[in-house]
Amino acid sequence: MEELIFYSYPSCTSCRKTKHWLKANQIDFKERHLFRETPNQEELKHILSLTTEGFDEILATRSQAFKELNLNIEELTVSEVVDLLIEKPKLLRRPIIVNGEKLVVGYNPGELLKLLKRSALQRSVS
C-alpha cells in the first residue's frame, strides 16, 4: 500500500473527526494542510482518477466560494478545473484521504474501514 495521505484543514469539523478516527485506529498517515500544501496537478488528476463520480465527488458545490464563482463546471475542460482547484483549494471537499488506489472524501468511517481492511489484506498477501 502506498502511504495514506490525509488532506485536511484544521478548523474543519469533518477533518478533525477523521483525524481522531485515524489516530484511534492507529493508522499511519501523512497529513497535508489543504490550503498550504495544495495537491499539484498530477496529484489532483490522480485523486480524480480514483473517484466514481468525477468532479462531483471532490467539489464543494454547496460552498460559498463555489457559488461566488457563478460558473458551469460542465463547460470547463478537466485541465481548467484542475487549475481552478489549485488556485482555489477551498473549492475542494474535505477531508480527502487517498492511499494511491482508494479515495475517501469527507468523514466516512465505513469507507475508512474498507480502506483499512483492503490495506491489511494487501500487507498480509505481500
N, C-alpha and C. Protein backbone atom coordinates (compact mmCIF):
# COMPACT_ATOMS: atom_id res chain seq x y z
N MET A 1 0.84 -1.19 0.00
CA MET A 1 0.00 0.00 0.00
C MET A 1 0.88 1.24 0.00
N GLU A 2 0.49 2.21 -0.78
CA GLU A 2 1.17 3.48 -0.73
C GLU A 2 0.81 4.19 0.56
N GLU A 3 1.57 5.20 0.86
CA GLU A 3 1.34 5.99 2.06
C GLU A 3 -0.06 6.61 2.03
N LEU A 4 -0.69 6.63 3.18
CA LEU A 4 -2.00 7.24 3.32
C LEU A 4 -1.80 8.74 3.47
N ILE A 5 -2.39 9.50 2.55
CA ILE A 5 -2.29 10.95 2.62
C ILE A 5 -3.64 11.51 3.02
N PHE A 6 -3.61 12.36 4.02
CA PHE A 6 -4.81 12.95 4.61
C PHE A 6 -4.75 14.46 4.36
N TYR A 7 -5.50 14.91 3.35
CA TYR A 7 -5.58 16.34 3.04
C TYR A 7 -6.65 16.93 3.94
N SER A 8 -6.26 17.90 4.75
CA SER A 8 -7.21 18.42 5.73
C SER A 8 -7.07 19.93 5.91
N TYR A 9 -7.99 20.45 6.68
CA TYR A 9 -7.97 21.85 7.09
C TYR A 9 -8.34 21.83 8.57
N PRO A 10 -7.43 22.30 9.45
CA PRO A 10 -7.62 22.15 10.90
C PRO A 10 -8.95 22.63 11.47
N SER A 11 -9.56 23.68 10.92
CA SER A 11 -10.81 24.16 11.51
C SER A 11 -12.04 23.43 10.98
N CYS A 12 -11.83 22.47 10.09
CA CYS A 12 -12.93 21.70 9.51
C CYS A 12 -13.33 20.58 10.47
N THR A 13 -14.61 20.55 10.84
CA THR A 13 -15.11 19.54 11.78
C THR A 13 -14.92 18.13 11.24
N SER A 14 -15.25 17.91 9.98
CA SER A 14 -15.09 16.57 9.39
C SER A 14 -13.62 16.15 9.38
N CYS A 15 -12.73 17.10 9.17
CA CYS A 15 -11.29 16.79 9.19
C CYS A 15 -10.86 16.37 10.59
N ARG A 16 -11.33 17.10 11.59
CA ARG A 16 -10.96 16.75 12.98
C ARG A 16 -11.51 15.38 13.36
N LYS A 17 -12.74 15.08 12.96
CA LYS A 17 -13.33 13.77 13.25
C LYS A 17 -12.53 12.66 12.56
N THR A 18 -12.16 12.89 11.30
CA THR A 18 -11.40 11.89 10.55
C THR A 18 -10.04 11.67 11.18
N LYS A 19 -9.38 12.74 11.54
CA LYS A 19 -8.05 12.63 12.17
C LYS A 19 -8.15 11.84 13.47
N HIS A 20 -9.18 12.14 14.26
CA HIS A 20 -9.38 11.40 15.51
C HIS A 20 -9.61 9.92 15.22
N TRP A 21 -10.42 9.61 14.21
CA TRP A 21 -10.71 8.22 13.85
C TRP A 21 -9.44 7.51 13.41
N LEU A 22 -8.63 8.15 12.58
CA LEU A 22 -7.38 7.54 12.11
C LEU A 22 -6.45 7.25 13.28
N LYS A 23 -6.33 8.21 14.19
CA LYS A 23 -5.45 8.02 15.35
C LYS A 23 -5.99 6.94 16.28
N ALA A 24 -7.31 6.94 16.51
CA ALA A 24 -7.93 5.95 17.39
C ALA A 24 -7.73 4.53 16.84
N ASN A 25 -7.65 4.42 15.52
CA ASN A 25 -7.45 3.11 14.89
C ASN A 25 -5.98 2.86 14.54
N GLN A 26 -5.11 3.69 15.09
CA GLN A 26 -3.66 3.55 14.95
C GLN A 26 -3.22 3.43 13.49
N ILE A 27 -3.75 4.31 12.67
CA ILE A 27 -3.43 4.34 11.25
C ILE A 27 -2.34 5.38 11.01
N ASP A 28 -1.27 4.96 10.36
CA ASP A 28 -0.22 5.89 9.99
C ASP A 28 -0.69 6.70 8.79
N PHE A 29 -0.46 8.00 8.83
CA PHE A 29 -0.85 8.85 7.72
C PHE A 29 0.04 10.08 7.67
N LYS A 30 0.10 10.65 6.49
CA LYS A 30 0.80 11.91 6.32
C LYS A 30 -0.27 12.97 6.13
N GLU A 31 -0.29 13.94 7.03
CA GLU A 31 -1.30 15.00 6.94
C GLU A 31 -0.75 16.16 6.12
N ARG A 32 -1.57 16.63 5.20
CA ARG A 32 -1.20 17.80 4.41
C ARG A 32 -2.31 18.84 4.53
N HIS A 33 -1.91 20.05 4.89
CA HIS A 33 -2.83 21.17 5.01
C HIS A 33 -3.31 21.51 3.60
N LEU A 34 -4.58 21.39 3.37
CA LEU A 34 -5.14 21.52 2.03
C LEU A 34 -4.86 22.88 1.39
N PHE A 35 -4.75 23.93 2.21
CA PHE A 35 -4.56 25.26 1.65
C PHE A 35 -3.09 25.66 1.58
N ARG A 36 -2.27 25.08 2.46
CA ARG A 36 -0.82 25.40 2.44
C ARG A 36 -0.05 24.44 1.55
N GLU A 37 -0.50 23.20 1.48
CA GLU A 37 0.15 22.17 0.66
C GLU A 37 -0.88 21.60 -0.32
N THR A 38 -1.43 22.48 -1.12
CA THR A 38 -2.46 22.11 -2.08
C THR A 38 -1.93 21.03 -3.02
N PRO A 39 -2.74 20.02 -3.30
CA PRO A 39 -2.31 19.00 -4.26
C PRO A 39 -1.94 19.66 -5.60
N ASN A 40 -0.87 19.17 -6.21
CA ASN A 40 -0.48 19.71 -7.51
C ASN A 40 -1.33 19.09 -8.61
N GLN A 41 -1.05 19.47 -9.85
CA GLN A 41 -1.84 19.00 -10.98
C GLN A 41 -1.85 17.47 -11.08
N GLU A 42 -0.68 16.87 -10.94
CA GLU A 42 -0.57 15.41 -11.03
C GLU A 42 -1.36 14.74 -9.90
N GLU A 43 -1.23 15.26 -8.68
CA GLU A 43 -1.95 14.68 -7.54
C GLU A 43 -3.46 14.82 -7.71
N LEU A 44 -3.90 15.98 -8.17
CA LEU A 44 -5.35 16.18 -8.36
C LEU A 44 -5.88 15.26 -9.46
N LYS A 45 -5.13 15.08 -10.52
CA LYS A 45 -5.59 14.19 -11.58
C LYS A 45 -5.64 12.75 -11.08
N HIS A 46 -4.68 12.39 -10.20
CA HIS A 46 -4.71 11.04 -9.63
C HIS A 46 -5.94 10.89 -8.72
N ILE A 47 -6.18 11.87 -7.87
CA ILE A 47 -7.36 11.85 -7.00
C ILE A 47 -8.62 11.72 -7.85
N LEU A 48 -8.69 12.50 -8.90
CA LEU A 48 -9.84 12.46 -9.80
C LEU A 48 -10.00 11.08 -10.43
N SER A 49 -8.89 10.42 -10.75
CA SER A 49 -8.96 9.08 -11.37
C SER A 49 -9.52 8.05 -10.40
N LEU A 50 -9.47 8.34 -9.10
CA LEU A 50 -9.98 7.40 -8.10
C LEU A 50 -11.45 7.63 -7.76
N THR A 51 -12.02 8.69 -8.28
CA THR A 51 -13.43 8.98 -7.98
C THR A 51 -14.34 8.09 -8.80
N THR A 52 -15.56 7.94 -8.32
CA THR A 52 -16.57 7.21 -9.08
C THR A 52 -17.53 8.20 -9.74
N GLU A 53 -17.53 9.44 -9.25
CA GLU A 53 -18.46 10.45 -9.75
C GLU A 53 -17.75 11.65 -10.36
N GLY A 54 -16.45 11.55 -10.62
CA GLY A 54 -15.71 12.66 -11.20
C GLY A 54 -15.64 13.85 -10.26
N PHE A 55 -15.71 15.03 -10.82
CA PHE A 55 -15.58 16.26 -10.02
C PHE A 55 -16.68 16.39 -8.98
N ASP A 56 -17.86 15.82 -9.25
CA ASP A 56 -18.96 15.92 -8.28
C ASP A 56 -18.56 15.37 -6.92
N GLU A 57 -17.65 14.41 -6.91
CA GLU A 57 -17.24 13.77 -5.66
C GLU A 57 -16.27 14.63 -4.84
N ILE A 58 -15.49 15.47 -5.51
CA ILE A 58 -14.47 16.23 -4.78
C ILE A 58 -14.73 17.74 -4.72
N LEU A 59 -15.70 18.22 -5.46
CA LEU A 59 -16.01 19.65 -5.46
C LEU A 59 -17.00 20.01 -4.37
N ALA A 60 -16.71 21.08 -3.66
CA ALA A 60 -17.61 21.58 -2.61
C ALA A 60 -18.62 22.53 -3.26
N THR A 61 -19.56 21.95 -3.98
CA THR A 61 -20.50 22.76 -4.77
C THR A 61 -21.46 23.57 -3.90
N ARG A 62 -21.63 23.21 -2.64
CA ARG A 62 -22.53 23.97 -1.76
C ARG A 62 -21.80 25.09 -1.03
N SER A 63 -20.48 25.17 -1.21
CA SER A 63 -19.70 26.19 -0.50
C SER A 63 -19.94 27.58 -1.08
N GLN A 64 -19.75 28.57 -0.24
CA GLN A 64 -19.90 29.96 -0.67
C GLN A 64 -18.88 30.29 -1.76
N ALA A 65 -17.66 29.76 -1.60
CA ALA A 65 -16.59 30.02 -2.59
C ALA A 65 -17.01 29.53 -3.98
N PHE A 66 -17.66 28.37 -4.02
CA PHE A 66 -18.10 27.83 -5.32
C PHE A 66 -19.23 28.67 -5.90
N LYS A 67 -20.20 29.02 -5.05
CA LYS A 67 -21.34 29.80 -5.52
C LYS A 67 -20.91 31.16 -6.05
N GLU A 68 -19.91 31.76 -5.41
CA GLU A 68 -19.43 33.07 -5.84
C GLU A 68 -18.80 33.04 -7.23
N LEU A 69 -18.29 31.89 -7.64
CA LEU A 69 -17.68 31.78 -8.97
C LEU A 69 -18.70 31.92 -10.08
N ASN A 70 -19.92 31.47 -9.79
CA ASN A 70 -21.01 31.54 -10.75
C ASN A 70 -20.59 31.02 -12.13
N LEU A 71 -20.07 29.80 -12.14
CA LEU A 71 -19.70 29.20 -13.42
C LEU A 71 -20.19 27.78 -13.51
N ASN A 72 -20.30 27.32 -14.74
CA ASN A 72 -20.76 25.96 -15.00
C ASN A 72 -19.54 25.08 -15.23
N ILE A 73 -19.26 24.22 -14.25
CA ILE A 73 -18.10 23.33 -14.32
C ILE A 73 -18.15 22.47 -15.58
N GLU A 74 -19.35 22.12 -16.01
CA GLU A 74 -19.51 21.26 -17.19
C GLU A 74 -18.92 21.90 -18.45
N GLU A 75 -18.80 23.22 -18.44
CA GLU A 75 -18.28 23.92 -19.62
C GLU A 75 -16.75 24.00 -19.64
N LEU A 76 -16.11 23.56 -18.55
CA LEU A 76 -14.65 23.64 -18.46
C LEU A 76 -14.00 22.30 -18.79
N THR A 77 -12.77 22.36 -19.27
CA THR A 77 -12.02 21.13 -19.51
C THR A 77 -11.50 20.61 -18.17
N VAL A 78 -11.06 19.37 -18.14
CA VAL A 78 -10.51 18.79 -16.91
C VAL A 78 -9.32 19.63 -16.45
N SER A 79 -8.45 19.99 -17.36
CA SER A 79 -7.27 20.80 -17.01
C SER A 79 -7.66 22.14 -16.42
N GLU A 80 -8.70 22.76 -16.97
CA GLU A 80 -9.15 24.06 -16.45
C GLU A 80 -9.69 23.91 -15.03
N VAL A 81 -10.44 22.85 -14.78
CA VAL A 81 -10.97 22.63 -13.42
C VAL A 81 -9.83 22.32 -12.45
N VAL A 82 -8.89 21.50 -12.87
CA VAL A 82 -7.74 21.18 -12.01
C VAL A 82 -6.97 22.46 -11.67
N ASP A 83 -6.72 23.30 -12.67
CA ASP A 83 -6.03 24.57 -12.42
C ASP A 83 -6.82 25.46 -11.46
N LEU A 84 -8.14 25.47 -11.61
CA LEU A 84 -9.00 26.24 -10.73
C LEU A 84 -8.90 25.73 -9.29
N LEU A 85 -8.86 24.40 -9.12
CA LEU A 85 -8.76 23.82 -7.78
C LEU A 85 -7.41 24.13 -7.13
N ILE A 86 -6.37 24.19 -7.93
CA ILE A 86 -5.05 24.55 -7.39
C ILE A 86 -5.06 26.02 -6.95
N GLU A 87 -5.69 26.85 -7.76
CA GLU A 87 -5.76 28.28 -7.45
C GLU A 87 -6.69 28.55 -6.27
N LYS A 88 -7.78 27.78 -6.17
CA LYS A 88 -8.79 27.98 -5.12
C LYS A 88 -9.10 26.65 -4.42
N PRO A 89 -8.17 26.19 -3.56
CA PRO A 89 -8.38 24.89 -2.90
C PRO A 89 -9.61 24.83 -1.99
N LYS A 90 -10.19 25.99 -1.66
CA LYS A 90 -11.42 25.99 -0.85
C LYS A 90 -12.57 25.34 -1.61
N LEU A 91 -12.40 25.15 -2.92
CA LEU A 91 -13.44 24.52 -3.72
C LEU A 91 -13.46 23.00 -3.54
N LEU A 92 -12.44 22.47 -2.88
CA LEU A 92 -12.37 21.02 -2.65
C LEU A 92 -13.14 20.63 -1.40
N ARG A 93 -13.86 19.53 -1.48
CA ARG A 93 -14.49 18.96 -0.28
C ARG A 93 -13.38 18.46 0.62
N ARG A 94 -13.66 18.38 1.88
CA ARG A 94 -12.62 17.91 2.79
C ARG A 94 -13.22 17.12 3.94
N PRO A 95 -12.41 16.25 4.50
CA PRO A 95 -11.05 15.92 4.08
C PRO A 95 -11.04 15.01 2.86
N ILE A 96 -9.86 14.87 2.30
CA ILE A 96 -9.62 13.92 1.21
C ILE A 96 -8.55 12.97 1.72
N ILE A 97 -8.85 11.67 1.69
CA ILE A 97 -7.92 10.64 2.13
C ILE A 97 -7.64 9.74 0.94
N VAL A 98 -6.38 9.55 0.64
CA VAL A 98 -6.02 8.74 -0.52
C VAL A 98 -4.82 7.87 -0.17
N ASN A 99 -4.86 6.62 -0.63
CA ASN A 99 -3.74 5.72 -0.37
C ASN A 99 -3.08 5.25 -1.66
N GLY A 100 -3.34 5.95 -2.73
CA GLY A 100 -2.75 5.56 -4.00
C GLY A 100 -3.72 4.83 -4.90
N GLU A 101 -4.62 4.05 -4.31
CA GLU A 101 -5.57 3.31 -5.13
C GLU A 101 -7.01 3.41 -4.64
N LYS A 102 -7.23 4.07 -3.53
CA LYS A 102 -8.58 4.24 -2.97
C LYS A 102 -8.69 5.65 -2.44
N LEU A 103 -9.88 6.20 -2.56
CA LEU A 103 -10.15 7.57 -2.16
C LEU A 103 -11.35 7.59 -1.21
N VAL A 104 -11.24 8.39 -0.15
CA VAL A 104 -12.36 8.64 0.74
C VAL A 104 -12.47 10.16 0.87
N VAL A 105 -13.66 10.69 0.63
CA VAL A 105 -13.90 12.12 0.73
C VAL A 105 -14.89 12.37 1.85
N GLY A 106 -14.54 13.26 2.76
CA GLY A 106 -15.41 13.56 3.89
C GLY A 106 -15.18 12.58 5.02
N TYR A 107 -15.84 12.83 6.14
CA TYR A 107 -15.74 11.91 7.27
C TYR A 107 -16.70 10.76 7.01
N ASN A 108 -16.12 9.59 6.76
CA ASN A 108 -16.92 8.43 6.41
C ASN A 108 -16.26 7.18 7.02
N PRO A 109 -16.57 6.87 8.30
CA PRO A 109 -15.94 5.74 8.97
C PRO A 109 -16.10 4.41 8.23
N GLY A 110 -17.24 4.20 7.60
CA GLY A 110 -17.46 2.95 6.86
C GLY A 110 -16.47 2.79 5.71
N GLU A 111 -16.28 3.86 4.95
CA GLU A 111 -15.33 3.82 3.84
C GLU A 111 -13.89 3.75 4.34
N LEU A 112 -13.61 4.43 5.45
CA LEU A 112 -12.27 4.36 6.03
C LEU A 112 -11.97 2.93 6.48
N LEU A 113 -12.97 2.28 7.04
CA LEU A 113 -12.79 0.90 7.49
C LEU A 113 -12.50 -0.01 6.29
N LYS A 114 -13.21 0.19 5.18
CA LYS A 114 -12.95 -0.59 3.96
C LYS A 114 -11.52 -0.36 3.49
N LEU A 115 -11.09 0.87 3.57
CA LEU A 115 -9.72 1.22 3.17
C LEU A 115 -8.71 0.46 4.02
N LEU A 116 -8.97 0.39 5.32
CA LEU A 116 -8.08 -0.32 6.23
C LEU A 116 -8.05 -1.81 5.97
N LYS A 117 -9.24 -2.38 5.77
CA LYS A 117 -9.32 -3.82 5.52
C LYS A 117 -8.58 -4.19 4.25
N ARG A 118 -8.74 -3.39 3.20
CA ARG A 118 -8.06 -3.64 1.95
C ARG A 118 -6.55 -3.53 2.13
N SER A 119 -6.12 -2.53 2.90
CA SER A 119 -4.69 -2.34 3.15
C SER A 119 -4.11 -3.49 3.97
N ALA A 120 -4.85 -3.93 4.98
CA ALA A 120 -4.38 -5.05 5.80
C ALA A 120 -4.30 -6.32 4.99
N LEU A 121 -5.26 -6.53 4.11
CA LEU A 121 -5.27 -7.69 3.24
C LEU A 121 -4.06 -7.67 2.30
N GLN A 122 -3.77 -6.50 1.77
CA GLN A 122 -2.61 -6.39 0.86
C GLN A 122 -1.31 -6.65 1.61
N ARG A 123 -1.21 -6.16 2.86
CA ARG A 123 0.01 -6.40 3.64
C ARG A 123 0.19 -7.87 3.95
N SER A 124 -0.91 -8.58 4.22
CA SER A 124 -0.80 -10.00 4.56
C SER A 124 -0.45 -10.85 3.34
N VAL A 125 -0.81 -10.40 2.16
CA VAL A 125 -0.50 -11.11 0.93
C VAL A 125 0.95 -10.88 0.53
N SER A 126 1.47 -9.70 0.82
CA SER A 126 2.85 -9.33 0.42
C SER A 126 3.89 -10.14 1.16
